[in-house]
Amino acid sequence: MKLWIVLPMLLLVLSGCAGKTAYRNSCANQLDSAWRELDLAKAEGFAGTVSYSKALSLLTAAKTQQQFEAYKGCTAKSERARFYIRESRAGR
């Protein structure tokens, strides 16, 4: 009887762990790429634009989410930050 109680609980715990790692690699890759692009934009002199500031804010939030294992949100914020970096480099 105990097995019928323990087994579903074990499956629930394991599925929760799998959900935490689904976006882990994507988050790390997007963050790395975005930080490199942000450094390039700064070197090119686009650090004063509004888009650059938005990107920096998003990357800071994404890094915080990565630390708290909120990988899906981290990935989404990193992708949006890369959009703003492209806008900054285009002068918008």
PDB file of N, CA and C in Angstrom:
ATOM      1  N   MET A   1       0.817  -1.196   0.000  1.00  0.00           N
ATOM      2  CA  MET A   1       0.000   0.000   0.000  1.00  0.00           C
ATOM      3  C   MET A   1       0.860   1.260   0.000  1.00  0.00           C
ATOM      4  N   LYS A   2       1.981   1.233   0.731  1.00  0.00           N
ATOM      5  CA  LYS A   2       2.859   2.395   0.777  1.00  0.00           C
ATOM      6  C   LYS A   2       3.434   2.704  -0.598  1.00  0.00           C
ATOM      7  N   LEU A   3       3.687   1.666  -1.389  1.00  0.00           N
ATOM      8  CA  LEU A   3       4.268   1.857  -2.717  1.00  0.00           C
ATOM      9  C   LEU A   3       3.331   2.677  -3.605  1.00  0.00           C
ATOM     10  N   TRP A   4       2.047   2.498  -3.470  1.00  0.00           N
ATOM     11  CA  TRP A   4       1.080   3.249  -4.280  1.00  0.00           C
ATOM     12  C   TRP A   4       1.052   4.726  -3.905  1.00  0.00           C
ATOM     13  N   ILE A   5       1.481   5.041  -2.723  1.00  0.00           N
ATOM     14  CA  ILE A   5       1.530   6.434  -2.282  1.00  0.00           C
ATOM     15  C   ILE A   5       2.878   7.060  -2.642  1.00  0.00           C
ATOM     16  N   VAL A   6       3.943   6.317  -2.431  1.00  0.00           N
ATOM     17  CA  VAL A   6       5.289   6.840  -2.645  1.00  0.00           C
ATOM     18  C   VAL A   6       5.613   7.001  -4.125  1.00  0.00           C
ATOM     19  N   LEU A   7       5.233   6.053  -4.940  1.00  0.00           N
ATOM     20  CA  LEU A   7       5.568   6.082  -6.360  1.00  0.00           C
ATOM     21  C   LEU A   7       5.023   7.315  -7.087  1.00  0.00           C
ATOM     22  N   PRO A   8       3.744   7.665  -6.933  1.00  0.00           N
ATOM     23  CA  PRO A   8       3.266   8.889  -7.590  1.00  0.00           C
ATOM     24  C   PRO A   8       3.966  10.155  -7.079  1.00  0.00           C
ATOM     25  N   MET A   9       4.279  10.189  -5.797  1.00  0.00           N
ATOM     26  CA  MET A   9       4.985  11.349  -5.257  1.00  0.00           C
ATOM     27  C   MET A   9       6.385  11.464  -5.855  1.00  0.00           C
ATOM     28  N   LEU A  10       7.053  10.337  -6.008  1.00  0.00           N
ATOM     29  CA  LEU A  10       8.386  10.327  -6.599  1.00  0.00           C
ATOM     30  C   LEU A  10       8.344  10.799  -8.045  1.00  0.00           C
ATOM     31  N   LEU A  11       7.372  10.347  -8.802  1.00  0.00           N
ATOM     32  CA  LEU A  11       7.216  10.783 -10.190  1.00  0.00           C
ATOM     33  C   LEU A  11       6.930  12.276 -10.284  1.00  0.00           C
ATOM     34  N   LEU A  12       6.142  12.774  -9.382  1.00  0.00           N
ATOM     35  CA  LEU A  12       5.826  14.204  -9.354  1.00  0.00           C
ATOM     36  C   LEU A  12       7.076  15.038  -9.077  1.00  0.00           C
ATOM     37  N   VAL A  13       7.872  14.611  -8.135  1.00  0.00           N
ATOM     38  CA  VAL A  13       9.107  15.329  -7.802  1.00  0.00           C
ATOM     39  C   VAL A  13      10.071  15.303  -8.981  1.00  0.00           C
ATOM     40  N   LEU A  14      10.235  14.155  -9.611  1.00  0.00           N
ATOM     41  CA  LEU A  14      11.159  14.042 -10.737  1.00  0.00           C
ATOM     42  C   LEU A  14      10.699  14.860 -11.940  1.00  0.00           C
ATOM     43  N   SER A  15       9.405  14.917 -12.182  1.00  0.00           N
ATOM     44  CA  SER A  15       8.921  15.718 -13.307  1.00  0.00           C
ATOM     45  C   SER A  15       9.114  17.208 -13.029  1.00  0.00           C
ATOM     46  N   GLY A  16       9.033  17.611 -11.787  1.00  0.00           N
ATOM     47  CA  GLY A  16       9.296  19.006 -11.427  1.00  0.00           C
ATOM     48  C   GLY A  16      10.741  19.381 -11.667  1.00  0.00           C
ATOM     49  N   CYS A  17      11.642  18.466 -11.405  1.00  0.00           N
ATOM     50  CA  CYS A  17      13.065  18.724 -11.651  1.00  0.00           C
ATOM     51  C   CYS A  17      13.356  18.836 -13.139  1.00  0.00           C
ATOM     52  N   ALA A  18      12.711  18.012 -13.934  1.00  0.00           N
ATOM     53  CA  ALA A  18      12.922  18.050 -15.379  1.00  0.00           C
ATOM     54  C   ALA A  18      12.439  19.371 -15.963  1.00  0.00           C
ATOM     55  N   GLY A  19      11.359  19.913 -15.425  1.00  0.00           N
ATOM     56  CA  GLY A  19      10.844  21.182 -15.913  1.00  0.00           C
ATOM     57  C   GLY A  19      11.786  22.337 -15.626  1.00  0.00           C
ATOM     58  N   LYS A  20      12.558  22.249 -14.567  1.00  0.00           N
ATOM     59  CA  LYS A  20      13.498  23.315 -14.207  1.00  0.00           C
ATOM     60  C   LYS A  20      14.667  23.405 -15.175  1.00  0.00           C
ATOM     61  N   THR A  21      15.026  22.291 -15.801  1.00  0.00           N
ATOM     62  CA  THR A  21      16.219  22.281 -16.652  1.00  0.00           C
ATOM     63  C   THR A  21      15.900  22.417 -18.138  1.00  0.00           C
ATOM     64  N   ALA A  22      14.641  22.547 -18.483  1.00  0.00           N
ATOM     65  CA  ALA A  22      14.257  22.567 -19.898  1.00  0.00           C
ATOM     66  C   ALA A  22      14.898  23.708 -20.668  1.00  0.00           C
ATOM     67  N   TYR A  23      15.006  24.874 -20.089  1.00  0.00           N
ATOM     68  CA  TYR A  23      15.546  26.041 -20.782  1.00  0.00           C
ATOM     69  C   TYR A  23      16.951  26.428 -20.284  1.00  0.00           C
ATOM     70  N   ARG A  24      17.585  25.577 -19.504  1.00  0.00           N
ATOM     71  CA  ARG A  24      18.872  25.928 -18.889  1.00  0.00           C
ATOM     72  C   ARG A  24      19.926  26.289 -19.937  1.00  0.00           C
ATOM     73  N   ASN A  25      20.123  25.436 -20.935  1.00  0.00           N
ATOM     74  CA  ASN A  25      21.143  25.699 -21.960  1.00  0.00           C
ATOM     75  C   ASN A  25      20.789  26.912 -22.803  1.00  0.00           C
ATOM     76  N   SER A  26      19.526  27.026 -23.157  1.00  0.00           N
ATOM     77  CA  SER A  26      19.087  28.166 -23.956  1.00  0.00           C
ATOM     78  C   SER A  26      19.330  29.471 -23.212  1.00  0.00           C
ATOM     79  N   CYS A  27      19.021  29.483 -21.950  1.00  0.00           N
ATOM     80  CA  CYS A  27      19.233  30.673 -21.118  1.00  0.00           C
ATOM     81  C   CYS A  27      20.710  31.049 -21.108  1.00  0.00           C
ATOM     82  N   ALA A  28      21.565  30.083 -20.846  1.00  0.00           N
ATOM     83  CA  ALA A  28      22.999  30.358 -20.782  1.00  0.00           C
ATOM     84  C   ALA A  28      23.534  30.855 -22.124  1.00  0.00           C
ATOM     85  N   ASN A  29      23.124  30.215 -23.202  1.00  0.00           N
ATOM     86  CA  ASN A  29      23.604  30.609 -24.534  1.00  0.00           C
ATOM     87  C   ASN A  29      23.128  32.002 -24.916  1.00  0.00           C
ATOM     88  N   GLN A  30      21.852  32.280 -24.667  1.00  0.00           N
ATOM     89  CA  GLN A  30      21.297  33.592 -24.998  1.00  0.00           C
ATOM     90  C   GLN A  30      21.970  34.693 -24.176  1.00  0.00           C
ATOM     91  N   LEU A  31      22.182  34.425 -22.893  1.00  0.00           N
ATOM     92  CA  LEU A  31      22.838  35.420 -22.038  1.00  0.00           C
ATOM     93  C   LEU A  31      24.268  35.703 -22.497  1.00  0.00           C
ATOM     94  N   ASP A  32      25.007  34.653 -22.799  1.00  0.00           N
ATOM     95  CA  ASP A  32      26.388  34.842 -23.259  1.00  0.00           C
ATOM     96  C   ASP A  32      26.438  35.662 -24.539  1.00  0.00           C
ATOM     97  N   SER A  33      25.576  35.302 -25.486  1.00  0.00           N
ATOM     98  CA  SER A  33      25.542  36.028 -26.761  1.00  0.00           C
ATOM     99  C   SER A  33      25.142  37.483 -26.555  1.00  0.00           C
ATOM    100  N   ALA A  34      24.151  37.700 -25.727  1.00  0.00           N
ATOM    101  CA  ALA A  34      23.662  39.059 -25.501  1.00  0.00           C
ATOM    102  C   ALA A  34      24.721  39.920 -24.826  1.00  0.00           C
ATOM    103  N   TRP A  35      25.431  39.382 -23.842  1.00  0.00           N
ATOM    104  CA  TRP A  35      26.475  40.166 -23.176  1.00  0.00           C
ATOM    105  C   TRP A  35      27.595  40.532 -24.153  1.00  0.00           C
ATOM    106  N   ARG A  36      27.967  39.579 -25.036  1.00  0.00           N
ATOM    107  CA  ARG A  36      28.991  39.883 -26.044  1.00  0.00           C
ATOM    108  C   ARG A  36      28.520  40.985 -26.987  1.00  0.00           C
ATOM    109  N   GLU A  37      27.253  40.876 -27.437  1.00  0.00           N
ATOM    110  CA  GLU A  37      26.707  41.894 -28.333  1.00  0.00           C
ATOM    111  C   GLU A  37      26.618  43.253 -27.640  1.00  0.00           C
ATOM    112  N   LEU A  38      26.284  43.247 -26.366  1.00  0.00           N
ATOM    113  CA  LEU A  38      26.198  44.488 -25.605  1.00  0.00           C
ATOM    114  C   LEU A  38      27.578  45.140 -25.481  1.00  0.00           C
ATOM    115  N   ASP A  39      28.597  44.325 -25.255  1.00  0.00           N
ATOM    116  CA  ASP A  39      29.960  44.848 -25.190  1.00  0.00           C
ATOM    117  C   ASP A  39      30.372  45.465 -26.530  1.00  0.00           C
ATOM    118  N   LEU A  40      30.012  44.818 -27.628  1.00  0.00           N
ATOM    119  CA  LEU A  40      30.318  45.374 -28.951  1.00  0.00           C
ATOM    120  C   LEU A  40      29.604  46.704 -29.172  1.00  0.00           C
ATOM    121  N   ALA A  41      28.327  46.756 -28.772  1.00  0.00           N
ATOM    122  CA  ALA A  41      27.566  47.997 -28.934  1.00  0.00           C
ATOM    123  C   ALA A  41      28.197  49.116 -28.113  1.00  0.00           C
ATOM    124  N   LYS A  42      28.678  48.785 -26.923  1.00  0.00           N
ATOM    125  CA  LYS A  42      29.328  49.793 -26.078  1.00  0.00           C
ATOM    126  C   LYS A  42      30.630  50.264 -26.731  1.00  0.00           C
ATOM    127  N   ALA A  43      31.390  49.326 -27.282  1.00  0.00           N
ATOM    128  CA  ALA A  43      32.656  49.681 -27.933  1.00  0.00           C
ATOM    129  C   ALA A  43      32.432  50.547 -29.169  1.00  0.00           C
ATOM    130  N   GLU A  44      31.299  50.341 -29.821  1.00  0.00           N
ATOM    131  CA  GLU A  44      30.979  51.125 -31.016  1.00  0.00           C
ATOM    132  C   GLU A  44      30.378  52.480 -30.675  1.00  0.00           C
ATOM    133  N   GLY A  45      30.136  52.734 -29.401  1.00  0.00           N
ATOM    134  CA  GLY A  45      29.652  54.034 -28.980  1.00  0.00           C
ATOM    135  C   GLY A  45      28.143  54.154 -28.864  1.00  0.00           C
ATOM    136  N   PHE A  46      27.445  53.046 -28.784  1.00  0.00           N
ATOM    137  CA  PHE A  46      25.984  53.094 -28.682  1.00  0.00           C
ATOM    138  C   PHE A  46      25.498  52.950 -27.246  1.00  0.00           C
ATOM    139  N   ALA A  47      26.394  53.127 -26.282  1.00  0.00           N
ATOM    140  CA  ALA A  47      26.043  52.915 -24.878  1.00  0.00           C
ATOM    141  C   ALA A  47      25.080  53.965 -24.338  1.00  0.00           C
ATOM    142  N   GLY A  48      24.930  55.090 -25.018  1.00  0.00           N
ATOM    143  CA  GLY A  48      24.065  56.138 -24.497  1.00  0.00           C
ATOM    144  C   GLY A  48      22.637  56.073 -24.987  1.00  0.00           C
ATOM    145  N   THR A  49      22.307  55.126 -25.826  1.00  0.00           N
ATOM    146  CA  THR A  49      20.964  55.096 -26.393  1.00  0.00           C
ATOM    147  C   THR A  49      19.957  54.470 -25.428  1.00  0.00           C
ATOM    148  N   VAL A  50      18.705  54.774 -25.663  1.00  0.00           N
ATOM    149  CA  VAL A  50      17.628  54.226 -24.832  1.00  0.00           C
ATOM    150  C   VAL A  50      17.548  52.707 -25.007  1.00  0.00           C
ATOM    151  N   SER A  51      17.708  52.230 -26.235  1.00  0.00           N
ATOM    152  CA  SER A  51      17.647  50.789 -26.486  1.00  0.00           C
ATOM    153  C   SER A  51      18.749  50.047 -25.742  1.00  0.00           C
ATOM    154  N   TYR A  52      19.926  50.646 -25.683  1.00  0.00           N
ATOM    155  CA  TYR A  52      21.033  50.042 -24.944  1.00  0.00           C
ATOM    156  C   TYR A  52      20.661  49.916 -23.466  1.00  0.00           C
ATOM    157  N   SER A  53      20.065  50.947 -22.905  1.00  0.00           N
ATOM    158  CA  SER A  53      19.664  50.922 -21.491  1.00  0.00           C
ATOM    159  C   SER A  53      18.596  49.870 -21.232  1.00  0.00           C
ATOM    160  N   LYS A  54      17.649  49.738 -22.154  1.00  0.00           N
ATOM    161  CA  LYS A  54      16.617  48.703 -22.007  1.00  0.00           C
ATOM    162  C   LYS A  54      17.250  47.322 -22.042  1.00  0.00           C
ATOM    163  N   ALA A  55      18.194  47.131 -22.967  1.00  0.00           N
ATOM    164  CA  ALA A  55      18.865  45.840 -23.085  1.00  0.00           C
ATOM    165  C   ALA A  55      19.633  45.509 -21.812  1.00  0.00           C
ATOM    166  N   LEU A  56      20.327  46.479 -21.278  1.00  0.00           N
ATOM    167  CA  LEU A  56      21.090  46.269 -20.051  1.00  0.00           C
ATOM    168  C   LEU A  56      20.172  45.880 -18.890  1.00  0.00           C
ATOM    169  N   SER A  57      19.039  46.550 -18.787  1.00  0.00           N
ATOM    170  CA  SER A  57      18.063  46.222 -17.729  1.00  0.00           C
ATOM    171  C   SER A  57      17.522  44.808 -17.896  1.00  0.00           C
ATOM    172  N   LEU A  58      17.204  44.444 -19.130  1.00  0.00           N
ATOM    173  CA  LEU A  58      16.681  43.103 -19.387  1.00  0.00           C
ATOM    174  C   LEU A  58      17.726  42.030 -19.081  1.00  0.00           C
ATOM    175  N   LEU A  59      18.968  42.292 -19.430  1.00  0.00           N
ATOM    176  CA  LEU A  59      20.017  41.307 -19.158  1.00  0.00           C
ATOM    177  C   LEU A  59      20.266  41.148 -17.665  1.00  0.00           C
ATOM    178  N   THR A  60      20.167  42.224 -16.937  1.00  0.00           N
ATOM    179  CA  THR A  60      20.315  42.140 -15.484  1.00  0.00           C
ATOM    180  C   THR A  60      19.186  41.300 -14.891  1.00  0.00           C
ATOM    181  N   ALA A  61      17.973  41.526 -15.363  1.00  0.00           N
ATOM    182  CA  ALA A  61      16.828  40.739 -14.889  1.00  0.00           C
ATOM    183  C   ALA A  61      16.961  39.274 -15.300  1.00  0.00           C
ATOM    184  N   ALA A  62      17.446  39.037 -16.521  1.00  0.00           N
ATOM    185  CA  ALA A  62      17.622  37.663 -17.001  1.00  0.00           C
ATOM    186  C   ALA A  62      18.662  36.925 -16.155  1.00  0.00           C
ATOM    187  N   LYS A  63      19.742  37.603 -15.817  1.00  0.00           N
ATOM    188  CA  LYS A  63      20.776  36.977 -14.987  1.00  0.00           C
ATOM    189  C   LYS A  63      20.222  36.627 -13.610  1.00  0.00           C
ATOM    190  N   THR A  64      19.382  37.505 -13.070  1.00  0.00           N
ATOM    191  CA  THR A  64      18.742  37.224 -11.784  1.00  0.00           C
ATOM    192  C   THR A  64      17.847  35.998 -11.894  1.00  0.00           C
ATOM    193  N   GLN A  65      17.076  35.919 -12.975  1.00  0.00           N
ATOM    194  CA  GLN A  65      16.208  34.752 -13.161  1.00  0.00           C
ATOM    195  C   GLN A  65      17.023  33.480 -13.323  1.00  0.00           C
ATOM    196  N   GLN A  66      18.170  33.578 -13.995  1.00  0.00           N
ATOM    197  CA  GLN A  66      19.029  32.404 -14.136  1.00  0.00           C
ATOM    198  C   GLN A  66      19.486  31.915 -12.763  1.00  0.00           C
ATOM    199  N   GLN A  67      19.826  32.838 -11.890  1.00  0.00           N
ATOM    200  CA  GLN A  67      20.280  32.469 -10.554  1.00  0.00           C
ATOM    201  C   GLN A  67      19.181  31.769  -9.748  1.00  0.00           C
ATOM    202  N   PHE A  68      17.928  32.134 -10.015  1.00  0.00           N
ATOM    203  CA  PHE A  68      16.795  31.515  -9.313  1.00  0.00           C
ATOM    204  C   PHE A  68      16.176  30.367 -10.095  1.00  0.00           C
ATOM    205  N   GLU A  69      16.882  29.912 -11.141  1.00  0.00           N
ATOM    206  CA  GLU A  69      16.482  28.777 -11.977  1.00  0.00           C
ATOM    207  C   GLU A  69      15.149  28.998 -12.680  1.00  0.00           C
ATOM    208  N   ALA A  70      14.855  30.232 -13.033  1.00  0.00           N
ATOM    209  CA  ALA A  70      13.674  30.556 -13.832  1.00  0.00           C
ATOM    210  C   ALA A  70      14.140  30.690 -15.285  1.00  0.00           C
ATOM    211  N   TYR A  71      14.512  29.553 -15.875  1.00  0.00           N
ATOM    212  CA  TYR A  71      15.201  29.553 -17.157  1.00  0.00           C
ATOM    213  C   TYR A  71      14.340  30.024 -18.324  1.00  0.00           C
ATOM    214  N   LYS A  72      13.064  29.746 -18.281  1.00  0.00           N
ATOM    215  CA  LYS A  72      12.195  30.177 -19.380  1.00  0.00           C
ATOM    216  C   LYS A  72      12.120  31.703 -19.452  1.00  0.00           C
ATOM    217  N   GLY A  73      11.943  32.345 -18.315  1.00  0.00           N
ATOM    218  CA  GLY A  73      11.921  33.804 -18.275  1.00  0.00           C
ATOM    219  C   GLY A  73      13.266  34.405 -18.640  1.00  0.00           C
ATOM    220  N   CYS A  74      14.326  33.746 -18.212  1.00  0.00           N
ATOM    221  CA  CYS A  74      15.686  34.187 -18.549  1.00  0.00           C
ATOM    222  C   CYS A  74      15.885  34.175 -20.059  1.00  0.00           C
ATOM    223  N   THR A  75      15.459  33.109 -20.703  1.00  0.00           N
ATOM    224  CA  THR A  75      15.591  32.998 -22.159  1.00  0.00           C
ATOM    225  C   THR A  75      14.791  34.088 -22.861  1.00  0.00           C
ATOM    226  N   ALA A  76      13.564  34.311 -22.414  1.00  0.00           N
ATOM    227  CA  ALA A  76      12.715  35.328 -23.044  1.00  0.00           C
ATOM    228  C   ALA A  76      13.316  36.728 -22.884  1.00  0.00           C
ATOM    229  N   LYS A  77      13.803  37.043 -21.695  1.00  0.00           N
ATOM    230  CA  LYS A  77      14.392  38.369 -21.468  1.00  0.00           C
ATOM    231  C   LYS A  77      15.687  38.543 -22.267  1.00  0.00           C
ATOM    232  N   SER A  78      16.469  37.502 -22.369  1.00  0.00           N
ATOM    233  CA  SER A  78      17.711  37.581 -23.143  1.00  0.00           C
ATOM    234  C   SER A  78      17.422  37.821 -24.618  1.00  0.00           C
ATOM    235  N   GLU A  79      16.406  37.148 -25.137  1.00  0.00           N
ATOM    236  CA  GLU A  79      16.032  37.348 -26.545  1.00  0.00           C
ATOM    237  C   GLU A  79      15.549  38.780 -26.778  1.00  0.00           C
ATOM    238  N   ARG A  80      14.744  39.300 -25.858  1.00  0.00           N
ATOM    239  CA  ARG A  80      14.287  40.693 -25.986  1.00  0.00           C
ATOM    240  C   ARG A  80      15.450  41.666 -25.874  1.00  0.00           C
ATOM    241  N   ALA A  81      16.402  41.365 -24.997  1.00  0.00           N
ATOM    242  CA  ALA A  81      17.580  42.225 -24.849  1.00  0.00           C
ATOM    243  C   ALA A  81      18.377  42.257 -26.149  1.00  0.00           C
ATOM    244  N   ARG A  82      18.509  41.118 -26.801  1.00  0.00           N
ATOM    245  CA  ARG A  82      19.247  41.084 -28.069  1.00  0.00           C
ATOM    246  C   ARG A  82      18.537  41.923 -29.131  1.00  0.00           C
ATOM    247  N   PHE A  83      17.214  41.945 -29.091  1.00  0.00           N
ATOM    248  CA  PHE A  83      16.461  42.805 -30.011  1.00  0.00           C
ATOM    249  C   PHE A  83      16.821  44.269 -29.762  1.00  0.00           C
ATOM    250  N   TYR A  84      16.819  44.687 -28.505  1.00  0.00           N
ATOM    251  CA  TYR A  84      17.136  46.080 -28.179  1.00  0.00           C
ATOM    252  C   TYR A  84      18.595  46.417 -28.499  1.00  0.00           C
ATOM    253  N   ILE A  85      19.470  45.453 -28.379  1.00  0.00           N
ATOM    254  CA  ILE A  85      20.868  45.694 -28.750  1.00  0.00           C
ATOM    255  C   ILE A  85      20.955  45.965 -30.260  1.00  0.00           C
ATOM    256  N   ARG A  86      20.235  45.173 -31.040  1.00  0.00           N
ATOM    257  CA  ARG A  86      20.220  45.416 -32.494  1.00  0.00           C
ATOM    258  C   ARG A  86      19.628  46.796 -32.801  1.00  0.00           C
ATOM    259  N   GLU A  87      18.590  47.171 -32.074  1.00  0.00           N
ATOM    260  CA  GLU A  87      17.993  48.495 -32.268  1.00  0.00           C
ATOM    261  C   GLU A  87      18.993  49.593 -31.898  1.00  0.00           C
ATOM    262  N   SER A  88      19.726  49.378 -30.837  1.00  0.00           N
ATOM    263  CA  SER A  88      20.717  50.359 -30.412  1.00  0.00           C
ATOM    264  C   SER A  88      21.788  50.538 -31.465  1.00  0.00           C
ATOM    265  N   ARG A  89      22.258  49.432 -32.014  1.00  0.00           N
ATOM    266  CA  ARG A  89      23.305  49.510 -33.032  1.00  0.00           C
ATOM    267  C   ARG A  89      22.785  50.119 -34.326  1.00  0.00           C
ATOM    268  N   ALA A  90      21.477  50.034 -34.541  1.00  0.00           N
ATOM    269  CA  ALA A  90      20.878  50.661 -35.741  1.00  0.00           C
ATOM    270  C   ALA A  90      20.578  52.129 -35.497  1.00  0.00           C
ATOM    271  N   GLY A  91      20.809  52.614 -34.296  1.00  0.00           N
ATOM    272  CA  GLY A  91      20.600  54.025 -33.983  1.00  0.00           C
ATOM    273  C   GLY A  91      19.185  54.376 -33.565  1.00  0.00           C
ATOM    274  N   ARG A  92      18.424  53.377 -33.151  1.00  0.00           N
ATOM    275  CA  ARG A  92      17.037  53.633 -32.716  1.00  0.00           C
ATOM    276  C   ARG A  92      16.899  53.505 -31.230  1.00  0.00           C
TER     277      ARG A  92
END
